[in-house]
Protein backbone atom coordinates (compact mmCIF):
# COMPACT_ATOMS: atom_id res chain seq x y z
CA UNK A 1 0.00 0.00 0.00
CA UNK A 2 1.37 3.36 -0.95
CA UNK A 3 1.19 6.42 1.22
CA UNK A 4 0.28 9.72 -0.41
CA UNK A 5 2.52 12.64 0.63
CA UNK A 6 0.96 16.12 0.66
CA UNK A 7 1.67 19.47 2.27
CA UNK A 8 -0.50 20.87 5.06
CA UNK A 9 -2.19 23.36 2.72
CA UNK A 10 -3.04 20.72 0.11
CA UNK A 11 -4.32 18.36 2.81
CA UNK A 12 -6.60 21.09 4.13
CA UNK A 13 -7.86 21.95 0.63
CA UNK A 14 -8.49 18.32 -0.41
CA UNK A 15 -9.55 16.84 2.92
CA UNK A 16 -12.92 15.67 1.58
CA UNK A 17 -11.23 13.49 -1.05
CA UNK A 18 -8.76 12.10 1.50
CA UNK A 19 -11.63 11.21 3.84
CA UNK A 20 -13.15 9.10 1.05
CA UNK A 21 -9.84 7.46 0.09
CA UNK A 22 -8.47 4.13 1.33
CA UNK A 23 -4.83 5.28 1.17
CA UNK A 24 -2.91 6.68 4.15
CA UNK A 25 -1.83 10.30 3.75
CA UNK A 26 1.47 11.65 5.12
CA UNK A 27 1.04 15.35 5.86
CA UNK A 28 4.21 17.40 5.51
CA UNK A 29 5.36 20.87 6.48
CA UNK A 30 8.44 22.20 4.71
CA UNK A 31 9.21 18.70 3.46
CA UNK A 32 9.08 16.99 6.86
CA UNK A 33 6.23 14.68 7.83
CA UNK A 34 4.19 16.14 10.69
CA UNK A 35 1.42 13.55 10.76
CA UNK A 36 -0.22 10.64 9.03
CA UNK A 37 -3.94 10.29 8.34
CA UNK A 38 -5.01 6.62 8.23
CA UNK A 39 -8.59 6.27 6.95
CA UNK A 40 -11.01 3.70 8.32
CA UNK A 41 -13.73 2.13 6.25
CA UNK A 42 -17.06 3.13 7.73
CA UNK A 43 -20.35 1.37 7.30
CA UNK A 44 -22.11 4.09 9.25
CA UNK A 45 -20.92 7.69 8.84
CA UNK A 46 -21.01 8.45 12.58
CA UNK A 47 -19.39 5.34 14.04
CA UNK A 48 -16.11 3.52 13.58
CA UNK A 49 -16.39 -0.11 14.60
CA UNK A 50 -13.62 -2.04 16.29
CA UNK A 51 -13.03 -4.12 13.15
CA UNK A 52 -12.56 -0.92 11.13
CA UNK A 53 -10.01 0.37 13.64
CA UNK A 54 -8.16 -2.96 13.49
CA UNK A 55 -8.12 -2.76 9.69
CA UNK A 56 -6.73 0.79 9.89
CA UNK A 57 -4.08 -0.38 12.38
CA UNK A 58 -3.12 -3.19 9.98
CA UNK A 59 -2.78 -0.71 7.11
CA UNK A 60 -0.66 1.57 9.31
CA UNK A 61 1.55 -1.39 10.31
CA UNK A 62 2.08 -2.21 6.62
CA UNK A 63 2.95 1.42 5.87
CA UNK A 64 5.49 1.42 8.72
CA UNK A 65 6.95 -2.02 7.93
CA UNK A 66 10.08 -0.54 6.34
CA UNK A 67 10.73 1.96 9.14
CA UNK A 68 13.80 1.29 11.27
CA UNK A 69 13.05 2.29 14.87
CA UNK A 70 16.66 3.21 15.69
CA UNK A 71 16.91 5.35 12.55
CA UNK A 72 13.63 7.07 13.39
CA UNK A 73 14.75 7.88 16.94
CA UNK A 74 18.10 9.20 15.68
CA UNK A 75 16.34 11.40 13.11
CA UNK A 76 13.94 12.72 15.77
CA UNK A 77 16.83 13.58 18.10
CA UNK A 78 18.69 15.34 15.28
CA UNK A 79 15.60 17.40 14.38
CA UNK A 80 15.09 18.39 18.02
CA UNK A 81 18.76 19.34 18.33
CA UNK A 82 18.57 21.46 15.19
CA UNK A 83 15.34 23.09 16.36
CA UNK A 84 16.82 24.03 19.72
CA UNK A 85 19.96 25.47 18.19
CA UNK A 86 17.98 27.77 15.84
CA UNK A 87 15.84 29.23 18.65
CA UNK A 88 18.74 30.39 20.77
PDB file of N, CA and C in Angstrom:
ATOM      1  N   UNK A   1       0.851  -1.174   0.000  1.00  0.00           N
ATOM      2  CA  UNK A   1       0.000   0.000   0.000  1.00  0.00           C
ATOM      3  C   UNK A   1       0.891   1.231   0.000  1.00  0.00           C
ATOM      4  N   UNK A   2       0.567   2.154  -0.860  1.00  0.00           N
ATOM      5  CA  UNK A   2       1.369   3.361  -0.946  1.00  0.00           C
ATOM      6  C   UNK A   2       0.750   4.479  -0.113  1.00  0.00           C
ATOM      7  N   UNK A   3       1.619   5.269   0.439  1.00  0.00           N
ATOM      8  CA  UNK A   3       1.190   6.425   1.220  1.00  0.00           C
ATOM      9  C   UNK A   3       1.312   7.658   0.349  1.00  0.00           C
ATOM     10  N   UNK A   4       0.272   8.469   0.336  1.00  0.00           N
ATOM     11  CA  UNK A   4       0.282   9.721  -0.415  1.00  0.00           C
ATOM     12  C   UNK A   4       0.943  10.777   0.456  1.00  0.00           C
ATOM     13  N   UNK A   5       1.844  11.579  -0.118  1.00  0.00           N
ATOM     14  CA  UNK A   5       2.518  12.642   0.629  1.00  0.00           C
ATOM     15  C   UNK A   5       2.019  13.986   0.130  1.00  0.00           C
ATOM     16  N   UNK A   6       1.463  14.802   1.041  1.00  0.00           N
ATOM     17  CA  UNK A   6       0.961  16.125   0.664  1.00  0.00           C
ATOM     18  C   UNK A   6       1.344  17.143   1.736  1.00  0.00           C
ATOM     19  N   UNK A   7       1.422  18.389   1.336  1.00  0.00           N
ATOM     20  CA  UNK A   7       1.672  19.470   2.273  1.00  0.00           C
ATOM     21  C   UNK A   7       0.424  19.780   3.085  1.00  0.00           C
ATOM     22  N   UNK A   8       0.604  20.505   4.166  1.00  0.00           N
ATOM     23  CA  UNK A   8      -0.503  20.866   5.056  1.00  0.00           C
ATOM     24  C   UNK A   8      -1.602  21.604   4.284  1.00  0.00           C
ATOM     25  N   UNK A   9      -1.212  22.567   3.461  1.00  0.00           N
ATOM     26  CA  UNK A   9      -2.188  23.364   2.716  1.00  0.00           C
ATOM     27  C   UNK A   9      -3.002  22.482   1.765  1.00  0.00           C
ATOM     28  N   UNK A  10      -2.324  21.598   1.033  1.00  0.00           N
ATOM     29  CA  UNK A  10      -3.037  20.718   0.107  1.00  0.00           C
ATOM     30  C   UNK A  10      -3.950  19.761   0.868  1.00  0.00           C
ATOM     31  N   UNK A  11      -3.487  19.245   2.003  1.00  0.00           N
ATOM     32  CA  UNK A  11      -4.320  18.360   2.813  1.00  0.00           C
ATOM     33  C   UNK A  11      -5.596  19.073   3.241  1.00  0.00           C
ATOM     34  N   UNK A  12      -5.442  20.303   3.691  1.00  0.00           N
ATOM     35  CA  UNK A  12      -6.599  21.088   4.130  1.00  0.00           C
ATOM     36  C   UNK A  12      -7.564  21.337   2.965  1.00  0.00           C
ATOM     37  N   UNK A  13      -7.020  21.653   1.791  1.00  0.00           N
ATOM     38  CA  UNK A  13      -7.857  21.948   0.627  1.00  0.00           C
ATOM     39  C   UNK A  13      -8.569  20.713   0.082  1.00  0.00           C
ATOM     40  N   UNK A  14      -7.927  19.543   0.189  1.00  0.00           N
ATOM     41  CA  UNK A  14      -8.488  18.323  -0.408  1.00  0.00           C
ATOM     42  C   UNK A  14      -8.957  17.316   0.626  1.00  0.00           C
ATOM     43  N   UNK A  15      -9.233  17.779   1.837  1.00  0.00           N
ATOM     44  CA  UNK A  15      -9.550  16.843   2.923  1.00  0.00           C
ATOM     45  C   UNK A  15     -10.756  15.954   2.606  1.00  0.00           C
ATOM     46  N   UNK A  16     -11.743  16.477   1.913  1.00  0.00           N
ATOM     47  CA  UNK A  16     -12.923  15.666   1.585  1.00  0.00           C
ATOM     48  C   UNK A  16     -12.533  14.447   0.749  1.00  0.00           C
ATOM     49  N   UNK A  17     -11.642  14.623  -0.215  1.00  0.00           N
ATOM     50  CA  UNK A  17     -11.234  13.486  -1.047  1.00  0.00           C
ATOM     51  C   UNK A  17     -10.384  12.500  -0.239  1.00  0.00           C
ATOM     52  N   UNK A  18      -9.559  12.997   0.680  1.00  0.00           N
ATOM     53  CA  UNK A  18      -8.761  12.096   1.501  1.00  0.00           C
ATOM     54  C   UNK A  18      -9.637  11.310   2.471  1.00  0.00           C
ATOM     55  N   UNK A  19     -10.718  11.911   2.945  1.00  0.00           N
ATOM     56  CA  UNK A  19     -11.629  11.207   3.844  1.00  0.00           C
ATOM     57  C   UNK A  19     -12.319  10.042   3.141  1.00  0.00           C
ATOM     58  N   UNK A  20     -12.504  10.159   1.834  1.00  0.00           N
ATOM     59  CA  UNK A  20     -13.151   9.102   1.050  1.00  0.00           C
ATOM     60  C   UNK A  20     -12.163   8.048   0.555  1.00  0.00           C
ATOM     61  N   UNK A  21     -10.880   8.343   0.622  1.00  0.00           N
ATOM     62  CA  UNK A  21      -9.838   7.463   0.094  1.00  0.00           C
ATOM     63  C   UNK A  21      -9.531   6.312   1.040  1.00  0.00           C
ATOM     64  N   UNK A  22      -8.929   5.253   0.506  1.00  0.00           N
ATOM     65  CA  UNK A  22      -8.471   4.135   1.331  1.00  0.00           C
ATOM     66  C   UNK A  22      -6.980   4.210   1.623  1.00  0.00           C
ATOM     67  N   UNK A  23      -6.289   5.176   1.022  1.00  0.00           N
ATOM     68  CA  UNK A  23      -4.828   5.283   1.166  1.00  0.00           C
ATOM     69  C   UNK A  23      -4.452   6.191   2.332  1.00  0.00           C
ATOM     70  N   UNK A  24      -3.420   5.791   3.105  1.00  0.00           N
ATOM     71  CA  UNK A  24      -2.913   6.683   4.150  1.00  0.00           C
ATOM     72  C   UNK A  24      -2.309   7.937   3.515  1.00  0.00           C
ATOM     73  N   UNK A  25      -2.358   9.036   4.244  1.00  0.00           N
ATOM     74  CA  UNK A  25      -1.826  10.304   3.746  1.00  0.00           C
ATOM     75  C   UNK A  25      -0.808  10.836   4.755  1.00  0.00           C
ATOM     76  N   UNK A  26       0.438  11.028   4.288  1.00  0.00           N
ATOM     77  CA  UNK A  26       1.474  11.653   5.120  1.00  0.00           C
ATOM     78  C   UNK A  26       1.386  13.153   4.890  1.00  0.00           C
ATOM     79  N   UNK A  27       1.164  13.899   5.948  1.00  0.00           N
ATOM     80  CA  UNK A  27       1.036  15.352   5.857  1.00  0.00           C
ATOM     81  C   UNK A  27       2.387  15.971   6.212  1.00  0.00           C
ATOM     82  N   UNK A  28       2.885  16.824   5.311  1.00  0.00           N
ATOM     83  CA  UNK A  28       4.213  17.400   5.508  1.00  0.00           C
ATOM     84  C   UNK A  28       4.158  18.912   5.678  1.00  0.00           C
ATOM     85  N   UNK A  29       5.164  19.421   6.361  1.00  0.00           N
ATOM     86  CA  UNK A  29       5.363  20.871   6.482  1.00  0.00           C
ATOM     87  C   UNK A  29       6.833  21.119   6.185  1.00  0.00           C
ATOM     88  N   UNK A  30       7.071  21.908   5.157  1.00  0.00           N
ATOM     89  CA  UNK A  30       8.441  22.205   4.709  1.00  0.00           C
ATOM     90  C   UNK A  30       9.229  20.932   4.436  1.00  0.00           C
ATOM     91  N   UNK A  31       8.548  19.937   3.850  1.00  0.00           N
ATOM     92  CA  UNK A  31       9.208  18.699   3.458  1.00  0.00           C
ATOM     93  C   UNK A  31       9.330  17.641   4.533  1.00  0.00           C
ATOM     94  N   UNK A  32       8.978  17.956   5.773  1.00  0.00           N
ATOM     95  CA  UNK A  32       9.084  16.989   6.858  1.00  0.00           C
ATOM     96  C   UNK A  32       7.687  16.536   7.279  1.00  0.00           C
ATOM     97  N   UNK A  33       7.524  15.239   7.451  1.00  0.00           N
ATOM     98  CA  UNK A  33       6.229  14.680   7.826  1.00  0.00           C
ATOM     99  C   UNK A  33       5.867  15.108   9.242  1.00  0.00           C
ATOM    100  N   UNK A  34       4.665  15.697   9.376  1.00  0.00           N
ATOM    101  CA  UNK A  34       4.194  16.142  10.694  1.00  0.00           C
ATOM    102  C   UNK A  34       3.053  15.273  11.214  1.00  0.00           C
ATOM    103  N   UNK A  35       2.503  14.433  10.344  1.00  0.00           N
ATOM    104  CA  UNK A  35       1.424  13.552  10.760  1.00  0.00           C
ATOM    105  C   UNK A  35       1.016  12.624   9.641  1.00  0.00           C
ATOM    106  N   UNK A  36       0.276  11.590  10.016  1.00  0.00           N
ATOM    107  CA  UNK A  36      -0.223  10.642   9.030  1.00  0.00           C
ATOM    108  C   UNK A  36      -1.705  10.413   9.296  1.00  0.00           C
ATOM    109  N   UNK A  37      -2.515  10.576   8.251  1.00  0.00           N
ATOM    110  CA  UNK A  37      -3.941  10.289   8.345  1.00  0.00           C
ATOM    111  C   UNK A  37      -4.155   8.877   7.818  1.00  0.00           C
ATOM    112  N   UNK A  38      -4.717   7.993   8.640  1.00  0.00           N
ATOM    113  CA  UNK A  38      -5.014   6.620   8.232  1.00  0.00           C
ATOM    114  C   UNK A  38      -6.530   6.469   8.225  1.00  0.00           C
ATOM    115  N   UNK A  39      -7.124   6.355   7.028  1.00  0.00           N
ATOM    116  CA  UNK A  39      -8.585   6.269   6.954  1.00  0.00           C
ATOM    117  C   UNK A  39      -9.107   4.920   7.444  1.00  0.00           C
ATOM    118  N   UNK A  40     -10.319   4.931   7.965  1.00  0.00           N
ATOM    119  CA  UNK A  40     -11.009   3.697   8.317  1.00  0.00           C
ATOM    120  C   UNK A  40     -12.187   3.554   7.368  1.00  0.00           C
ATOM    121  N   UNK A  41     -12.540   2.342   7.092  1.00  0.00           N
ATOM    122  CA  UNK A  41     -13.726   2.126   6.254  1.00  0.00           C
ATOM    123  C   UNK A  41     -14.938   2.166   7.185  1.00  0.00           C
ATOM    124  N   UNK A  42     -15.904   2.980   6.842  1.00  0.00           N
ATOM    125  CA  UNK A  42     -17.057   3.135   7.727  1.00  0.00           C
ATOM    126  C   UNK A  42     -18.324   2.631   7.048  1.00  0.00           C
ATOM    127  N   UNK A  43     -19.050   1.823   7.786  1.00  0.00           N
ATOM    128  CA  UNK A  43     -20.347   1.373   7.302  1.00  0.00           C
ATOM    129  C   UNK A  43     -21.396   2.420   7.642  1.00  0.00           C
ATOM    130  N   UNK A  44     -21.213   3.036   8.796  1.00  0.00           N
ATOM    131  CA  UNK A  44     -22.113   4.085   9.255  1.00  0.00           C
ATOM    132  C   UNK A  44     -21.285   5.357   9.393  1.00  0.00           C
ATOM    133  N   UNK A  45     -21.724   6.467   8.834  1.00  0.00           N
ATOM    134  CA  UNK A  45     -20.921   7.685   8.836  1.00  0.00           C
ATOM    135  C   UNK A  45     -20.514   8.174  10.226  1.00  0.00           C
ATOM    136  N   UNK A  46     -21.286   7.892  11.260  1.00  0.00           N
ATOM    137  CA  UNK A  46     -21.011   8.454  12.580  1.00  0.00           C
ATOM    138  C   UNK A  46     -20.214   7.524  13.495  1.00  0.00           C
ATOM    139  N   UNK A  47     -20.047   6.258  13.125  1.00  0.00           N
ATOM    140  CA  UNK A  47     -19.386   5.335  14.039  1.00  0.00           C
ATOM    141  C   UNK A  47     -18.272   4.564  13.349  1.00  0.00           C
ATOM    142  N   UNK A  48     -17.195   4.366  14.057  1.00  0.00           N
ATOM    143  CA  UNK A  48     -16.111   3.520  13.577  1.00  0.00           C
ATOM    144  C   UNK A  48     -16.105   2.272  14.449  1.00  0.00           C
ATOM    145  N   UNK A  49     -16.332   1.133  13.842  1.00  0.00           N
ATOM    146  CA  UNK A  49     -16.386  -0.109  14.603  1.00  0.00           C
ATOM    147  C   UNK A  49     -14.985  -0.618  14.902  1.00  0.00           C
ATOM    148  N   UNK A  50     -14.901  -1.484  15.886  1.00  0.00           N
ATOM    149  CA  UNK A  50     -13.618  -2.038  16.289  1.00  0.00           C
ATOM    150  C   UNK A  50     -12.911  -2.719  15.126  1.00  0.00           C
ATOM    151  N   UNK A  51     -13.646  -3.436  14.295  1.00  0.00           N
ATOM    152  CA  UNK A  51     -13.027  -4.118  13.150  1.00  0.00           C
ATOM    153  C   UNK A  51     -12.437  -3.105  12.171  1.00  0.00           C
ATOM    154  N   UNK A  52     -13.081  -1.959  12.018  1.00  0.00           N
ATOM    155  CA  UNK A  52     -12.564  -0.918  11.133  1.00  0.00           C
ATOM    156  C   UNK A  52     -11.270  -0.335  11.687  1.00  0.00           C
ATOM    157  N   UNK A  53     -11.220  -0.141  13.006  1.00  0.00           N
ATOM    158  CA  UNK A  53     -10.008   0.373  13.635  1.00  0.00           C
ATOM    159  C   UNK A  53      -8.870  -0.631  13.522  1.00  0.00           C
ATOM    160  N   UNK A  54      -9.191  -1.927  13.660  1.00  0.00           N
ATOM    161  CA  UNK A  54      -8.160  -2.962  13.486  1.00  0.00           C
ATOM    162  C   UNK A  54      -7.637  -2.958  12.056  1.00  0.00           C
ATOM    163  N   UNK A  55      -8.532  -2.805  11.087  1.00  0.00           N
ATOM    164  CA  UNK A  55      -8.116  -2.758   9.685  1.00  0.00           C
ATOM    165  C   UNK A  55      -7.217  -1.549   9.443  1.00  0.00           C
ATOM    166  N   UNK A  56      -7.559  -0.407  10.028  1.00  0.00           N
ATOM    167  CA  UNK A  56      -6.731   0.793   9.890  1.00  0.00           C
ATOM    168  C   UNK A  56      -5.364   0.570  10.541  1.00  0.00           C
ATOM    169  N   UNK A  57      -5.344  -0.088  11.696  1.00  0.00           N
ATOM    170  CA  UNK A  57      -4.078  -0.382  12.377  1.00  0.00           C
ATOM    171  C   UNK A  57      -3.219  -1.312  11.524  1.00  0.00           C
ATOM    172  N   UNK A  58      -3.854  -2.292  10.874  1.00  0.00           N
ATOM    173  CA  UNK A  58      -3.117  -3.190   9.981  1.00  0.00           C
ATOM    174  C   UNK A  58      -2.519  -2.430   8.804  1.00  0.00           C
ATOM    175  N   UNK A  59      -3.292  -1.506   8.230  1.00  0.00           N
ATOM    176  CA  UNK A  59      -2.778  -0.706   7.106  1.00  0.00           C
ATOM    177  C   UNK A  59      -1.622   0.185   7.567  1.00  0.00           C
ATOM    178  N   UNK A  60      -1.737   0.743   8.771  1.00  0.00           N
ATOM    179  CA  UNK A  60      -0.659   1.570   9.312  1.00  0.00           C
ATOM    180  C   UNK A  60       0.590   0.713   9.543  1.00  0.00           C
ATOM    181  N   UNK A  61       0.417  -0.493  10.078  1.00  0.00           N
ATOM    182  CA  UNK A  61       1.551  -1.391  10.310  1.00  0.00           C
ATOM    183  C   UNK A  61       2.253  -1.715   8.994  1.00  0.00           C
ATOM    184  N   UNK A  62       1.482  -1.941   7.937  1.00  0.00           N
ATOM    185  CA  UNK A  62       2.079  -2.215   6.622  1.00  0.00           C
ATOM    186  C   UNK A  62       2.844  -0.998   6.114  1.00  0.00           C
ATOM    187  N   UNK A  63       2.292   0.192   6.317  1.00  0.00           N
ATOM    188  CA  UNK A  63       2.948   1.420   5.868  1.00  0.00           C
ATOM    189  C   UNK A  63       4.247   1.660   6.633  1.00  0.00           C
ATOM    190  N   UNK A  64       4.309   1.209   7.884  1.00  0.00           N
ATOM    191  CA  UNK A  64       5.493   1.424   8.721  1.00  0.00           C
ATOM    192  C   UNK A  64       6.446   0.230   8.726  1.00  0.00           C
ATOM    193  N   UNK A  65       6.151  -0.795   7.925  1.00  0.00           N
ATOM    194  CA  UNK A  65       6.950  -2.020   7.933  1.00  0.00           C
ATOM    195  C   UNK A  65       8.417  -1.767   7.611  1.00  0.00           C
ATOM    196  N   UNK A  66       8.708  -0.804   6.753  1.00  0.00           N
ATOM    197  CA  UNK A  66      10.084  -0.539   6.339  1.00  0.00           C
ATOM    198  C   UNK A  66      10.798   0.466   7.230  1.00  0.00           C
ATOM    199  N   UNK A  67      10.142   0.937   8.273  1.00  0.00           N
ATOM    200  CA  UNK A  67      10.728   1.961   9.141  1.00  0.00           C
ATOM    201  C   UNK A  67      11.626   1.293  10.179  1.00  0.00           C
ATOM    202  N   UNK A  68      12.854   1.770  10.275  1.00  0.00           N
ATOM    203  CA  UNK A  68      13.803   1.286  11.272  1.00  0.00           C
ATOM    204  C   UNK A  68      13.663   2.164  12.517  1.00  0.00           C
ATOM    205  N   UNK A  69      13.317   1.547  13.638  1.00  0.00           N
ATOM    206  CA  UNK A  69      13.054   2.294  14.867  1.00  0.00           C
ATOM    207  C   UNK A  69      14.262   3.100  15.324  1.00  0.00           C
ATOM    208  N   UNK A  70      15.445   2.508  15.267  1.00  0.00           N
ATOM    209  CA  UNK A  70      16.660   3.210  15.690  1.00  0.00           C
ATOM    210  C   UNK A  70      16.920   4.426  14.800  1.00  0.00           C
ATOM    211  N   UNK A  71      16.722   4.256  13.498  1.00  0.00           N
ATOM    212  CA  UNK A  71      16.915   5.351  12.554  1.00  0.00           C
ATOM    213  C   UNK A  71      15.915   6.469  12.813  1.00  0.00           C
ATOM    214  N   UNK A  72      14.671   6.097  13.105  1.00  0.00           N
ATOM    215  CA  UNK A  72      13.626   7.073  13.389  1.00  0.00           C
ATOM    216  C   UNK A  72      13.949   7.881  14.641  1.00  0.00           C
ATOM    217  N   UNK A  73      14.404   7.199  15.692  1.00  0.00           N
ATOM    218  CA  UNK A  73      14.752   7.877  16.937  1.00  0.00           C
ATOM    219  C   UNK A  73      15.933   8.822  16.713  1.00  0.00           C
ATOM    220  N   UNK A  74      16.930   8.359  15.957  1.00  0.00           N
ATOM    221  CA  UNK A  74      18.103   9.200  15.681  1.00  0.00           C
ATOM    222  C   UNK A  74      17.690  10.439  14.889  1.00  0.00           C
ATOM    223  N   UNK A  75      16.809  10.261  13.906  1.00  0.00           N
ATOM    224  CA  UNK A  75      16.337  11.401  13.111  1.00  0.00           C
ATOM    225  C   UNK A  75      15.559  12.384  13.984  1.00  0.00           C
ATOM    226  N   UNK A  76      14.718  11.868  14.866  1.00  0.00           N
ATOM    227  CA  UNK A  76      13.944  12.715  15.771  1.00  0.00           C
ATOM    228  C   UNK A  76      14.878  13.537  16.665  1.00  0.00           C
ATOM    229  N   UNK A  77      15.886  12.880  17.230  1.00  0.00           N
ATOM    230  CA  UNK A  77      16.826  13.581  18.102  1.00  0.00           C
ATOM    231  C   UNK A  77      17.582  14.666  17.337  1.00  0.00           C
ATOM    232  N   UNK A  78      17.978  14.359  16.104  1.00  0.00           N
ATOM    233  CA  UNK A  78      18.688  15.341  15.285  1.00  0.00           C
ATOM    234  C   UNK A  78      17.792  16.544  14.983  1.00  0.00           C
ATOM    235  N   UNK A  79      16.533  16.306  14.655  1.00  0.00           N
ATOM    236  CA  UNK A  79      15.601  17.399  14.375  1.00  0.00           C
ATOM    237  C   UNK A  79      15.370  18.256  15.619  1.00  0.00           C
ATOM    238  N   UNK A  80      15.254  17.625  16.768  1.00  0.00           N
ATOM    239  CA  UNK A  80      15.093  18.389  18.019  1.00  0.00           C
ATOM    240  C   UNK A  80      16.330  19.218  18.304  1.00  0.00           C
ATOM    241  N   UNK A  81      17.509  18.623  18.089  1.00  0.00           N
ATOM    242  CA  UNK A  81      18.761  19.341  18.333  1.00  0.00           C
ATOM    243  C   UNK A  81      18.855  20.547  17.411  1.00  0.00           C
ATOM    244  N   UNK A  82      18.523  20.352  16.138  1.00  0.00           N
ATOM    245  CA  UNK A  82      18.565  21.460  15.194  1.00  0.00           C
ATOM    246  C   UNK A  82      17.548  22.540  15.554  1.00  0.00           C
ATOM    247  N   UNK A  83      16.380  22.128  15.990  1.00  0.00           N
ATOM    248  CA  UNK A  83      15.343  23.090  16.365  1.00  0.00           C
ATOM    249  C   UNK A  83      15.735  23.919  17.567  1.00  0.00           C
ATOM    250  N   UNK A  84      16.372  23.294  18.536  1.00  0.00           N
ATOM    251  CA  UNK A  84      16.817  24.026  19.723  1.00  0.00           C
ATOM    252  C   UNK A  84      17.940  24.992  19.403  1.00  0.00           C
ATOM    253  N   UNK A  85      18.822  24.597  18.494  1.00  0.00           N
ATOM    254  CA  UNK A  85      19.961  25.474  18.186  1.00  0.00           C
ATOM    255  C   UNK A  85      19.538  26.689  17.372  1.00  0.00           C
ATOM    256  N   UNK A  86      18.433  26.615  16.640  1.00  0.00           N
ATOM    257  CA  UNK A  86      17.976  27.766  15.842  1.00  0.00           C
ATOM    258  C   UNK A  86      17.161  28.740  16.672  1.00  0.00           C
ATOM    259  N   UNK A  87      16.670  28.342  17.834  1.00  0.00           N
ATOM    260  CA  UNK A  87      15.837  29.231  18.651  1.00  0.00           C
ATOM    261  C   UNK A  87      16.670  30.006  19.674  1.00  0.00           C
ATOM    262  N   UNK A  88      17.903  29.700  19.773  1.00  0.00           N
ATOM    263  CA  UNK A  88      18.744  30.388  20.770  1.00  0.00           C
ATOM    264  C   UNK A  88      19.300  31.657  20.264  1.00  0.00           C
TER     265      UNK A  88
END
